[in-house]
Amino acid sequence: MHEQNKLVRAIFKADSTADHAADIDIRGLKVYQRNLKVNATNALKITFPTVLTLIGDEVFSYAVEQLLQQDPPSAGDWGLWGKNISSVLKNLNALQEFPYVADMATLDFLLHQSAREKDNALSMDSLSLLASCELDELRVVLNPAFVLLTSGFPIVDIYRANEASSDQCEYYLQQAQQKLLSGVGQVTLIYRPQFKSLVRTLESSEHDWLRLMQQNFSIGKALDVLMHRKQEFSLEAWLPLAIEQNLISHLEKIES
């Protein structure tokens, strides 16, 4: 077991001439290291497709190499690894003029995680509580695959520019460039209506509403808070959209 642990440490250490690797065959060690880097790079290309498009293969491969040294995988499932690549990207000299790339990595990773969540369908029966209970007695339980991400950059526009067809790509690029010049960020909703995770921007009222739902406010209390903040929000308009986009797990009555 000691020898196996020594080999594992040596594989993840970039300097194969280190003391703990002195009695390990260097040529064999380099083969392990090359295979590790190839596997890690291929796995993260799946997890971070937008980042790969933005920075290219060479910088992406270097970032993966840095991540292997700073935060090696601790599980056998490559799909669980890579969250901290955003920190690596933020500190790369080659990307200092493109600070939004780190947030794009966070968005890619959250989309990847959302796609791996268990399927969760709305309990339609729970909607009948709207007819039998006061709004102060009800709360919305959100779908666990839904995520909010706040960024100082127009990450939804950048994401869509990389996902869109050629005729739409230019539109989203122009939108992103204008927001970057103006210092305008976006609040992003990541949701999964069916099998594919999607993104859209959130206006401040819906963002605050979802935050209140995450804090287990009753529907009635949350509406009162938004009204006090003078934010326009319509439960009647939001509920059909939330059902369509699979944002809700179910409604439940708050026990007194």
Protein backbone atom coordinates (compact mmCIF):
# COMPACT_ATOMS: atom_id res chain seq x y z
CA MET A 1 0.00 0.00 0.00
CA HIS A 2 2.89 2.36 0.82
CA GLU A 3 4.43 1.81 -2.62
CA GLN A 4 1.08 2.43 -4.33
CA ASN A 5 0.60 5.69 -2.44
CA LYS A 6 4.12 6.77 -3.40
CA LEU A 7 3.36 6.07 -7.06
CA VAL A 8 0.12 8.03 -6.95
CA ARG A 9 1.86 11.04 -5.38
CA ALA A 10 4.59 10.87 -8.00
CA ILE A 11 2.10 10.71 -10.88
CA PHE A 12 0.37 13.88 -9.75
CA LYS A 13 3.62 15.73 -9.07
CA ALA A 14 4.90 17.55 -12.14
CA ASP A 15 8.55 17.21 -11.08
CA SER A 16 9.21 13.49 -11.58
CA THR A 17 12.75 13.87 -10.24
CA ALA A 18 11.46 14.68 -6.75
CA ASP A 19 12.85 12.74 -3.81
CA HIS A 20 9.77 10.58 -3.34
CA ALA A 21 10.01 9.51 -7.01
CA ALA A 22 13.71 8.61 -6.90
CA ASP A 23 13.11 4.86 -6.73
CA ILE A 24 10.32 4.86 -9.33
CA ASP A 25 11.05 4.14 -12.98
CA ILE A 26 11.01 7.62 -14.56
CA ARG A 27 10.02 6.44 -18.05
CA GLY A 28 7.09 4.49 -16.67
CA LEU A 29 6.12 7.42 -14.47
CA LYS A 30 6.04 9.77 -17.46
CA VAL A 31 3.72 7.37 -19.28
CA TYR A 32 1.32 7.47 -16.32
CA GLN A 33 1.54 11.26 -16.22
CA ARG A 34 0.87 11.63 -19.94
CA ASN A 35 -2.13 9.30 -19.74
CA LEU A 36 -3.45 11.19 -16.73
CA LYS A 37 -3.19 14.53 -18.51
CA VAL A 38 -4.86 13.17 -21.67
CA ASN A 39 -7.73 11.65 -19.70
CA ALA A 40 -8.16 14.76 -17.58
CA THR A 41 -8.11 17.06 -20.60
CA ASN A 42 -10.62 14.96 -22.53
CA ALA A 43 -12.94 14.81 -19.52
CA LEU A 44 -12.85 18.56 -18.89
CA LYS A 45 -13.42 19.33 -22.57
CA ILE A 46 -16.82 17.69 -22.04
CA THR A 47 -17.47 19.60 -18.81
CA PHE A 48 -16.24 23.00 -20.06
CA PRO A 49 -17.15 23.32 -23.76
CA THR A 50 -17.65 27.09 -23.65
CA VAL A 51 -14.30 27.69 -21.97
CA LEU A 52 -12.58 25.46 -24.52
CA THR A 53 -14.07 27.50 -27.37
CA LEU A 54 -13.06 30.78 -25.75
CA ILE A 55 -9.44 30.00 -24.90
CA GLY A 56 -8.41 27.27 -27.35
CA ASP A 57 -6.73 23.90 -26.92
CA GLU A 58 -3.27 25.10 -25.90
CA VAL A 59 -4.31 27.33 -23.00
CA PHE A 60 -7.00 24.85 -21.97
CA SER A 61 -4.48 22.01 -21.82
CA TYR A 62 -2.13 24.14 -19.72
CA ALA A 63 -4.97 25.04 -17.34
CA VAL A 64 -5.83 21.36 -16.90
CA GLU A 65 -2.18 20.61 -16.11
CA GLN A 66 -2.18 23.33 -13.46
CA LEU A 67 -5.42 22.03 -11.98
CA LEU A 68 -4.01 18.50 -11.74
CA GLN A 69 -1.18 19.85 -9.61
CA GLN A 70 -3.28 22.20 -7.47
CA ASP A 71 -6.45 20.15 -7.05
CA PRO A 72 -6.05 16.53 -8.22
CA PRO A 73 -9.19 14.41 -8.53
CA SER A 74 -10.23 12.59 -5.36
CA ALA A 75 -12.82 10.27 -6.91
CA GLY A 76 -12.92 7.87 -9.81
CA ASP A 77 -15.66 9.79 -11.61
CA TRP A 78 -14.11 12.47 -13.84
CA GLY A 79 -17.52 14.13 -14.04
CA LEU A 80 -17.24 15.21 -10.39
CA TRP A 81 -13.91 16.97 -10.89
CA GLY A 82 -13.04 20.38 -12.27
CA LYS A 83 -14.93 22.88 -10.13
CA ASN A 84 -11.77 24.78 -9.17
CA ILE A 85 -10.55 25.35 -12.72
CA SER A 86 -12.19 28.78 -12.50
CA SER A 87 -9.55 29.77 -9.91
CA VAL A 88 -6.80 28.48 -12.17
CA LEU A 89 -8.14 30.44 -15.14
CA LYS A 90 -8.48 33.61 -13.07
CA ASN A 91 -4.77 33.52 -12.28
CA LEU A 92 -3.42 32.70 -15.75
CA ASN A 93 -1.39 35.57 -17.21
CA ALA A 94 -2.65 34.73 -20.69
CA LEU A 95 -6.23 35.46 -19.62
CA GLN A 96 -5.80 38.66 -17.61
CA GLU A 97 -7.47 40.64 -20.42
CA PHE A 98 -10.41 38.22 -20.42
CA PRO A 99 -11.56 38.13 -16.78
CA TYR A 100 -15.00 36.76 -17.71
CA VAL A 101 -13.50 33.37 -18.63
CA ALA A 102 -13.38 32.28 -14.97
CA ASP A 103 -17.11 32.96 -14.58
CA MET A 104 -17.79 31.11 -17.83
CA ALA A 105 -16.02 28.12 -16.28
CA THR A 106 -18.33 28.35 -13.27
CA LEU A 107 -21.34 28.48 -15.61
CA ASP A 108 -20.11 25.48 -17.60
CA PHE A 109 -19.56 23.47 -14.42
CA LEU A 110 -22.99 24.32 -13.00
CA LEU A 111 -24.63 23.32 -16.29
CA HIS A 112 -22.70 20.07 -16.16
CA GLN A 113 -23.82 19.42 -12.58
CA SER A 114 -27.43 20.27 -13.39
CA ALA A 115 -27.43 17.75 -16.24
CA ARG A 116 -26.27 15.06 -13.81
CA GLU A 117 -29.01 15.72 -11.25
CA LYS A 118 -31.75 13.15 -10.83
CA ASP A 119 -34.87 13.75 -12.90
CA ASN A 120 -37.41 15.76 -10.94
CA ALA A 121 -40.95 16.28 -12.19
CA LEU A 122 -43.47 18.66 -10.68
CA SER A 123 -46.05 17.09 -8.40
CA MET A 124 -49.15 18.40 -10.15
CA ASP A 125 -51.39 17.24 -7.28
CA SER A 126 -49.67 19.72 -4.96
CA LEU A 127 -50.95 22.63 -7.08
CA SER A 128 -54.44 21.93 -5.74
CA LEU A 129 -53.24 23.46 -2.45
CA LEU A 130 -53.57 26.86 -4.12
CA ALA A 131 -57.34 26.40 -4.07
CA SER A 132 -57.59 25.11 -0.51
CA CYS A 133 -54.96 27.11 1.40
CA GLU A 134 -54.08 30.75 2.02
CA LEU A 135 -50.88 31.94 0.34
CA ASP A 136 -49.36 32.62 3.77
CA GLU A 137 -49.74 28.89 4.48
CA LEU A 138 -47.88 27.69 1.34
CA ARG A 139 -44.28 27.53 0.21
CA VAL A 140 -42.72 26.64 -3.12
CA VAL A 141 -40.16 23.82 -3.06
CA LEU A 142 -37.80 24.36 -5.98
CA ASN A 143 -36.31 21.74 -8.28
CA PRO A 144 -32.81 20.83 -6.99
CA ALA A 145 -31.45 20.99 -10.56
CA PHE A 146 -32.12 24.73 -10.68
CA VAL A 147 -29.22 27.09 -9.84
CA LEU A 148 -28.69 30.85 -9.63
CA LEU A 149 -25.39 32.43 -10.64
CA THR A 150 -24.56 36.13 -10.33
CA SER A 151 -21.72 37.53 -12.40
CA GLY A 152 -20.30 40.96 -13.09
CA PHE A 153 -20.03 39.93 -16.74
CA PRO A 154 -22.66 39.15 -19.45
CA ILE A 155 -22.10 35.43 -19.19
CA VAL A 156 -25.47 34.42 -20.67
CA ASP A 157 -24.83 36.46 -23.83
CA ILE A 158 -21.31 35.00 -24.11
CA TYR A 159 -22.65 31.49 -23.60
CA ARG A 160 -25.36 31.97 -26.21
CA ALA A 161 -22.90 33.42 -28.69
CA ASN A 162 -20.94 30.16 -28.46
CA GLU A 163 -24.09 28.01 -28.67
CA ALA A 164 -25.98 29.94 -31.37
CA SER A 165 -26.07 29.39 -35.09
CA SER A 166 -23.85 31.63 -37.19
CA ASP A 167 -26.63 34.10 -38.00
CA GLN A 168 -27.50 34.56 -34.30
CA CYS A 169 -23.93 34.43 -32.98
CA GLU A 170 -23.14 37.98 -34.13
CA TYR A 171 -26.19 39.34 -32.32
CA TYR A 172 -25.19 37.81 -28.99
CA LEU A 173 -21.57 38.87 -29.46
CA GLN A 174 -22.68 42.47 -29.97
CA GLN A 175 -24.88 42.27 -26.89
CA ALA A 176 -21.99 40.87 -24.84
CA GLN A 177 -19.53 43.48 -26.12
CA GLN A 178 -21.88 46.34 -25.26
CA LYS A 179 -22.40 45.02 -21.74
CA LEU A 180 -18.68 44.43 -21.24
CA LEU A 181 -17.92 48.02 -22.25
CA SER A 182 -20.64 49.29 -19.91
CA GLY A 183 -19.67 47.02 -17.02
CA VAL A 184 -23.07 45.31 -17.01
CA GLY A 185 -23.31 41.84 -15.52
CA GLN A 186 -26.07 39.25 -15.56
CA VAL A 187 -27.89 37.07 -13.08
CA THR A 188 -28.23 33.63 -14.61
CA LEU A 189 -30.83 30.96 -14.05
CA ILE A 190 -29.73 27.42 -14.84
CA TYR A 191 -32.68 25.07 -15.23
CA ARG A 192 -33.52 21.72 -16.77
CA PRO A 193 -37.00 21.45 -18.28
CA GLN A 194 -36.28 18.00 -19.73
CA PHE A 195 -32.97 16.33 -20.52
CA LYS A 196 -30.82 19.34 -21.39
CA SER A 197 -29.85 22.07 -18.94
CA LEU A 198 -30.57 25.59 -20.18
CA VAL A 199 -29.81 29.16 -19.14
CA ARG A 200 -31.60 32.49 -19.16
CA THR A 201 -31.14 35.86 -17.52
CA LEU A 202 -33.18 36.97 -14.53
CA GLU A 203 -34.70 40.34 -13.85
CA SER A 204 -34.23 41.61 -10.30
CA SER A 205 -37.81 40.89 -9.20
CA GLU A 206 -37.71 37.22 -10.22
CA HIS A 207 -34.23 36.88 -8.78
CA ASP A 208 -35.42 38.20 -5.42
CA TRP A 209 -38.51 35.99 -5.59
CA LEU A 210 -36.44 32.86 -6.13
CA ARG A 211 -34.07 33.84 -3.34
CA LEU A 212 -37.05 34.18 -1.00
CA MET A 213 -38.30 30.76 -2.09
CA GLN A 214 -34.85 29.31 -1.33
CA GLN A 215 -35.12 30.83 2.15
CA ASN A 216 -38.47 29.02 2.68
CA PHE A 217 -40.60 32.16 2.78
CA SER A 218 -44.29 31.51 2.35
CA ILE A 219 -45.74 32.60 -0.97
CA GLY A 220 -47.78 35.31 0.74
CA LYS A 221 -44.86 36.66 2.78
CA ALA A 222 -42.58 36.71 -0.27
CA LEU A 223 -45.15 38.67 -2.27
CA ASP A 224 -45.41 41.15 0.61
CA VAL A 225 -41.62 41.58 0.65
CA LEU A 226 -41.51 42.29 -3.09
CA MET A 227 -44.38 44.74 -2.80
CA HIS A 228 -42.57 46.52 0.03
CA ARG A 229 -39.50 46.77 -2.23
CA LYS A 230 -41.75 48.17 -4.98
CA GLN A 231 -40.81 45.37 -7.33
CA GLU A 232 -43.33 44.28 -9.93
CA PHE A 233 -43.89 40.53 -9.76
CA SER A 234 -46.92 38.49 -10.83
CA LEU A 235 -47.40 35.04 -9.34
CA GLU A 236 -50.08 34.35 -11.96
CA ALA A 237 -47.61 35.03 -14.77
CA TRP A 238 -44.63 33.29 -13.12
CA LEU A 239 -46.33 30.03 -12.16
CA PRO A 240 -47.04 28.77 -15.73
CA LEU A 241 -43.48 29.67 -16.76
CA ALA A 242 -42.06 27.89 -13.70
CA ILE A 243 -44.08 24.79 -14.55
CA GLU A 244 -42.96 24.88 -18.18
CA GLN A 245 -39.31 25.27 -17.21
CA ASN A 246 -39.50 22.67 -14.43
CA LEU A 247 -38.39 25.09 -11.72
CA ILE A 248 -40.76 23.69 -9.10
CA SER A 249 -40.66 20.35 -7.33
CA HIS A 250 -43.93 20.84 -5.46
CA LEU A 251 -45.97 23.13 -3.25
CA GLU A 252 -46.31 22.29 0.41
CA LYS A 253 -48.34 23.54 3.34
CA ILE A 254 -46.38 25.16 6.13
CA GLU A 255 -47.07 23.42 9.40
CA SER A 256 -48.02 25.84 12.15
